[in-house]
Protein backbone atom coordinates (compact mmCIF):
# COMPACT_ATOMS: atom_id res chain seq x y z
CA LEU A 1 211.91 154.76 107.14
CA GLU A 2 213.77 152.34 109.45
CA GLN A 3 216.49 151.76 106.84
CA HIS A 4 216.80 155.52 106.33
CA GLY A 5 217.15 155.99 110.08
CA HIS A 6 219.91 153.34 110.29
CA CYS A 7 221.79 155.04 107.43
CA LEU A 8 221.62 158.38 109.26
CA GLU A 9 222.96 156.81 112.46
CA ASN A 10 225.86 155.18 110.58
CA GLU A 11 226.65 158.44 108.84
CA ARG A 12 226.68 160.31 112.15
CA ALA A 13 228.99 157.67 113.67
CA MET A 14 231.41 157.93 110.76
CA ASN A 15 231.37 161.71 110.99
CA SER A 16 232.15 161.57 114.72
CA VAL A 17 235.08 159.24 114.06
CA ASP A 18 236.41 161.51 111.30
CA THR A 19 236.03 164.49 113.60
CA PHE A 20 237.99 162.71 116.37
CA PHE A 21 240.92 161.83 114.10
CA ASN A 22 240.95 165.26 112.46
CA ASN A 23 241.06 167.05 115.82
CA THR A 24 243.82 164.87 117.34
CA THR A 25 247.19 166.58 117.46
CA THR A 26 250.72 165.27 117.12
CA GLN A 27 251.13 165.47 120.89
CA PHE A 28 248.44 162.81 121.34
CA TYR A 29 250.30 160.31 119.17
CA VAL A 30 253.61 161.11 120.90
CA PHE A 31 251.96 160.58 124.29
CA LEU A 32 250.36 157.32 123.10
CA THR A 33 253.67 155.98 121.75
CA GLY A 34 255.58 157.02 124.87
CA THR A 35 253.03 155.40 127.19
CA SER A 36 253.13 152.09 125.31
CA SER A 37 256.94 152.13 125.31
CA LEU A 38 257.00 152.80 129.05
CA ILE A 39 254.60 149.93 129.75
CA SER A 40 256.66 147.60 127.54
CA GLY A 41 259.84 148.60 129.37
CA ILE A 42 258.26 147.94 132.78
CA MET A 43 257.04 144.51 131.61
CA MET A 44 260.51 143.60 130.30
CA PHE A 45 262.11 144.69 133.58
CA LEU A 46 259.66 142.63 135.65
CA GLU A 47 260.23 139.63 133.35
CA TRP A 48 264.00 139.93 133.78
CA LEU A 49 263.69 140.41 137.56
CA HIS A 50 261.43 137.37 137.92
CA PHE A 51 263.78 135.21 135.85
CA THR A 52 266.81 136.39 137.87
CA ILE A 53 265.16 135.48 141.18
CA TYR A 54 263.27 132.30 140.32
CA GLY A 55 265.09 131.00 137.22
CA ILE A 56 261.88 131.00 135.13
CA SER A 57 260.06 133.75 133.24
CA ILE A 58 256.58 135.00 134.14
CA VAL A 59 255.20 133.80 130.81
CA GLU A 60 256.54 130.26 131.41
CA ARG A 61 255.16 130.20 134.95
CA VAL A 62 251.69 131.37 133.86
CA ALA A 63 251.73 128.93 130.94
CA SER A 64 252.68 126.03 133.22
CA ILE A 65 249.85 126.94 135.64
CA LEU A 66 247.29 127.18 132.84
CA PHE A 67 248.65 123.98 131.31
CA SER A 68 247.99 122.09 134.55
CA PHE A 69 244.25 122.91 134.36
CA LEU A 70 243.82 121.37 130.92
CA PRO A 71 242.12 117.97 130.74
CA SER A 72 244.49 115.05 130.85
CA SER A 73 243.17 113.90 127.48
CA LEU A 74 244.66 117.03 125.91
CA THR A 75 248.03 116.94 127.68
CA LEU A 76 248.84 113.25 127.88
CA LYS A 77 248.97 110.68 125.15
CA LYS A 78 246.97 107.55 125.68
CA ASN A 79 249.49 104.78 126.10
CA ASP A 80 248.47 101.24 126.83
CA ASN A 81 250.17 99.02 129.39
CA ASN A 82 252.47 97.48 126.79
CA GLU A 83 253.93 100.87 125.85
CA LYS A 84 254.47 101.77 129.51
CA GLN A 85 256.22 98.49 130.16
CA LYS A 86 258.37 99.08 127.10
CA LYS A 87 259.47 102.49 128.40
CA LEU A 88 260.33 101.04 131.80
CA SER A 89 262.28 98.20 130.20
CA GLU A 90 264.33 100.73 128.21
CA ALA A 91 265.13 102.74 131.35
CA LYS A 92 268.57 102.41 132.84
CA PRO A 93 270.16 103.55 136.11
CA VAL A 94 272.66 106.41 135.94
CA HIS A 95 275.46 107.63 138.19
CA ASN A 96 274.62 109.35 141.48
CA SER A 97 273.10 112.66 140.42
CA LEU A 98 274.51 114.47 143.45
CA ALA A 99 278.06 113.24 142.67
CA LEU A 100 279.47 113.84 146.15
CA PHE A 101 282.69 115.82 146.49
CA ARG A 102 285.56 113.64 147.62
CA GLY A 103 287.44 116.03 149.88
CA CYS A 104 284.66 117.59 151.95
CA GLU A 105 282.24 114.64 151.90
CA LEU A 106 283.62 111.21 151.00
CA TYR A 107 287.07 111.45 152.57
CA ARG A 108 285.61 113.30 155.55
CA TYR A 109 283.19 110.42 156.11
CA GLN A 110 286.06 107.95 155.69
CA SER A 111 288.22 109.74 158.28
CA GLU A 112 285.38 109.87 160.83
CA THR A 113 284.13 106.30 160.40
CA GLY A 114 287.26 104.47 159.26
CA ARG A 115 285.32 102.88 156.41
CA LEU A 116 286.73 102.71 152.89
CA VAL A 117 284.38 104.65 150.64
CA LEU A 118 286.17 104.39 147.27
CA THR A 119 287.25 101.26 145.43
CA ASP A 120 289.66 100.72 142.56
CA TYR A 121 286.67 100.54 140.24
CA ASP A 122 285.61 104.04 141.33
CA PHE A 123 289.10 105.35 140.55
CA GLU A 124 289.08 103.74 137.12
CA ILE A 125 285.75 105.36 136.25
CA THR A 126 286.94 108.75 137.49
CA ILE A 127 290.18 108.54 135.51
CA ALA A 128 288.30 107.61 132.34
CA ASP A 129 285.82 110.48 132.82
CA TYR A 130 288.57 113.04 133.45
CA LEU A 131 290.66 111.91 130.49
CA ALA A 132 287.63 112.09 128.22
CA LEU A 133 286.89 115.59 129.49
CA PHE A 134 290.36 117.15 129.39
CA THR A 135 291.85 115.51 126.30
CA TYR A 136 290.94 116.11 122.68
CA GLU A 137 291.95 114.97 119.22
CA GLY A 138 295.34 116.25 118.17
CA ALA A 139 296.32 117.44 121.65
CA ARG A 140 300.03 118.16 122.14
CA LEU A 141 300.67 117.98 125.87
CA ASP A 142 304.39 118.59 125.41
CA ASP A 143 303.60 122.23 124.60
CA ASP A 144 301.85 122.69 127.96
CA PRO A 145 303.84 121.29 130.92
CA ALA A 146 301.03 122.01 133.40
CA GLN A 147 298.50 120.01 131.38
CA TYR A 148 301.01 117.18 130.93
CA LEU A 149 301.63 117.08 134.68
CA MET A 150 297.89 117.00 135.37
CA MET A 151 297.41 114.01 133.09
CA THR A 152 299.88 112.22 135.34
CA ALA A 153 298.12 113.46 138.47
CA LEU A 154 294.71 112.26 137.29
CA LYS A 155 296.06 108.73 136.83
CA GLU A 156 297.65 108.68 140.28
CA LYS A 157 295.66 106.67 142.84
CA ASP A 158 297.27 108.14 145.94
CA ARG A 159 295.29 111.18 147.06
CA HIS A 160 298.17 113.13 148.56
CA LYS A 161 300.30 112.67 145.45
CA ARG A 162 297.43 113.89 143.26
CA ILE A 163 297.01 117.03 145.35
CA SER A 164 300.77 117.66 145.39
CA LEU A 165 300.98 117.33 141.59
CA ALA A 166 298.00 119.68 141.21
CA HIS A 167 299.76 122.34 143.29
CA ASN A 168 302.90 121.89 141.16
CA ALA A 169 300.78 122.39 138.04
CA LEU A 170 299.32 125.60 139.52
CA ASP A 171 302.85 126.86 140.16
CA MET A 172 303.49 126.45 136.43
CA ASP A 173 300.12 127.91 135.36
CA SER A 174 297.89 129.71 137.88
CA ASN A 175 294.90 129.19 135.56
CA CYS A 176 295.34 125.44 135.04
CA VAL A 177 291.71 124.29 134.97
CA PRO A 178 292.28 120.55 135.63
CA ALA A 179 294.38 121.39 138.70
CA LEU A 180 291.73 123.74 140.08
CA ILE A 181 289.02 121.13 139.52
CA LEU A 182 291.04 118.43 141.25
CA LEU A 183 291.71 120.66 144.26
CA ALA A 184 288.02 121.61 144.50
CA GLU A 185 287.03 117.97 144.35
CA GLU A 186 289.63 116.45 146.67
CA GLU A 187 291.47 119.02 148.80
CA ALA A 188 288.71 121.44 149.85
CA LEU A 189 287.40 120.51 153.29
CA GLY A 190 284.15 122.51 153.19
CA LEU A 191 281.42 123.26 150.66
CA LEU A 192 282.04 127.00 150.88
CA GLU A 193 285.68 126.40 149.94
CA VAL A 194 284.52 124.14 147.10
CA GLU A 195 282.18 126.86 145.85
CA GLU A 196 284.97 129.45 145.90
CA LEU A 197 287.35 127.17 144.00
CA LEU A 198 284.70 126.24 141.43
CA LYS A 199 283.93 129.91 140.75
CA GLN A 200 287.65 130.52 140.22
CA THR A 201 287.81 127.46 137.96
CA LEU A 202 284.79 128.58 135.93
CA LYS A 203 286.35 132.00 135.43
CA ALA A 204 289.59 130.44 134.15
CA ALA A 205 287.67 127.97 131.94
CA GLU A 206 285.58 130.72 130.36
CA SER A 207 288.72 132.75 129.67
CA ALA A 208 290.31 129.76 127.92
CA HIS A 209 287.07 129.21 125.99
CA ARG A 210 287.08 132.77 124.67
CA GLN A 211 290.73 132.51 123.62
CA SER A 212 290.13 129.24 121.79
CA ALA A 213 287.10 130.78 120.03
CA VAL A 214 289.37 133.43 118.51
CA LEU A 215 291.90 130.77 117.47
CA CYS A 216 289.14 128.62 115.99
CA GLN A 217 287.93 131.47 113.81
CA ASN A 218 291.39 131.98 112.36
CA ASP A 219 292.30 128.31 111.98
CA PRO A 220 289.85 125.34 112.03
CA VAL A 221 292.64 123.14 113.42
CA TYR A 222 291.79 124.55 116.86
CA LYS A 223 288.15 123.38 116.70
CA PRO A 224 288.75 120.26 118.90
CA LEU A 225 290.45 122.49 121.49
CA HIS A 226 287.51 124.89 121.42
CA GLU A 227 285.01 122.07 121.87
CA ARG A 228 287.05 120.67 124.75
CA ASN A 229 287.06 124.07 126.48
CA ALA A 230 283.29 124.38 125.98
CA ASN A 231 282.74 120.99 127.62
CA VAL A 232 284.99 121.96 130.54
CA CYS A 233 282.93 125.13 131.08
CA ILE A 234 279.74 123.06 131.12
CA TYR A 235 281.27 120.61 133.61
CA CYS A 236 282.35 123.45 135.93
CA ARG A 237 278.86 124.93 135.90
CA LEU A 238 277.31 121.54 136.59
CA ARG A 239 279.56 120.98 139.60
CA LEU A 240 278.84 124.52 140.81
CA ALA A 241 275.12 123.75 140.58
CA VAL A 242 275.64 120.57 142.63
CA CYS A 243 277.53 122.62 145.22
CA ASN A 244 274.65 125.10 145.37
CA ARG A 245 272.26 122.21 146.01
CA ARG A 246 274.41 120.96 148.87
CA LEU A 247 274.53 124.48 150.35
CA GLY A 248 270.74 124.84 150.12
CA LYS A 249 270.82 127.33 147.24
CA VAL A 250 268.40 125.24 145.20
CA LYS A 251 266.99 128.18 143.20
CA ASP A 252 270.50 129.10 142.07
CA ALA A 253 271.02 125.50 140.98
CA ILE A 254 267.73 125.52 139.04
CA LYS A 255 268.83 128.69 137.25
CA ILE A 256 272.13 127.07 136.19
CA TYR A 257 270.39 123.89 135.00
CA ARG A 258 267.85 125.86 132.94
CA GLU A 259 270.64 127.85 131.30
CA LEU A 260 272.56 124.66 130.51
CA MET A 261 269.51 123.09 128.90
CA LYS A 262 269.79 125.71 126.15
CA ASP A 263 273.18 124.22 125.20
CA ASN A 264 272.85 120.93 123.32
CA ARG A 265 276.32 119.84 124.41
CA ALA A 266 275.24 119.81 128.05
CA HIS A 267 272.60 117.15 127.36
CA TYR A 268 275.30 114.50 126.93
CA LEU A 269 277.05 115.27 130.21
CA ALA A 270 276.21 114.45 133.81
CA ASN A 271 272.51 113.96 134.59
CA LEU A 272 271.16 117.38 133.63
CA TYR A 273 267.51 116.34 133.47
CA GLU A 274 267.63 114.32 136.68
CA ASN A 275 269.20 117.16 138.66
CA LEU A 276 266.65 119.70 137.43
CA ALA A 277 263.75 117.36 138.22
CA GLU A 278 265.08 116.72 141.74
CA CYS A 279 265.60 120.45 142.36
CA LEU A 280 262.02 121.20 141.32
CA LEU A 281 260.86 118.51 143.76
CA GLU A 282 262.97 120.04 146.55
CA THR A 283 261.35 123.46 146.03
CA HIS A 284 257.86 121.88 145.79
CA SER A 285 257.44 123.29 142.28
CA TYR A 286 255.15 120.46 141.24
CA THR A 287 253.39 122.42 138.51
CA GLU A 288 256.68 123.40 136.87
CA LEU A 289 257.96 119.85 137.22
CA ASN A 290 254.85 118.45 135.55
CA ALA A 291 255.17 120.91 132.67
CA PHE A 292 258.89 120.14 132.35
CA LEU A 293 258.34 116.37 132.18
CA LEU A 294 255.50 116.70 129.68
CA LYS A 295 257.56 119.01 127.50
CA GLN A 296 260.66 116.81 127.56
CA GLU A 297 258.90 113.45 127.36
CA GLU A 298 259.44 113.08 123.62
CA THR A 299 262.90 114.67 123.52
CA PHE A 300 264.76 112.80 126.25
CA ILE A 301 268.05 111.47 124.95
CA TYR A 302 267.71 108.46 127.27
CA LYS A 303 265.12 107.13 129.67
CA SER A 304 266.61 106.99 133.15
CA THR A 305 264.97 105.31 136.12
CA THR A 306 264.84 108.64 137.96
CA LEU A 307 262.76 110.32 135.26
CA CYS A 308 260.48 107.31 134.82
CA PHE A 309 259.87 107.25 138.58
């Protein structure tokens, strides 16, 4: 009798379910689909808004918070003292991650204190970095007088001559990226002026990058030029992020660094990981910093002293 009673109850339940689905109309399914689409759209908008403001998605933030509550045995590998010492021995110091601007910071300090802040060695390093950034294999500077003039300006050790040559290059080409970068670095007397010049430089660099992309599609000979332009765009965005840090716009800097981390080419340029880690420390985002370091621990291209610390 009990088994018969259970069978009757199951049969009644199945009949009620069949009755529900048979009585539902097309309007119910339209309303259900529309409601789910509306909720999905609201979630996407909130995700985009959160990422625009804070430079990190809601999912990543929640995941980092939940990740911090996991036991250390699940999140950290057990390394003995020998392995830790090995990591520290492989660490190496890197250039100043803030990379002070010469015009509005270094030369301003020099003029106020009378102390020499740059040596010949500093100039040699800067010249080598600029030449590596702005030149590429198969470059023909004779076809571009502004670029040829800027190669001369970058090698000039006298500041006023460099600035004068940069202005002459801009007279030849108003979108000469090396000239705009040099003026932002050395002539601008305030960080707001540096920011304005860097935004103008980034706009010109992105325009040149798009043009070289079209040329590269038609002829692979232009691939080195396209890669050079991509690296220049990355450099401009890095310097703009540094400027944002100096102006107190740390969240804007974090957003730029997170976007650059998606580009593998940016990993080989100036101190991307160190800058992002320092920005997270400045904003007291310790949970995000912990998640970032744990995630990148095995993928760091090099072990710097900043990251080990």
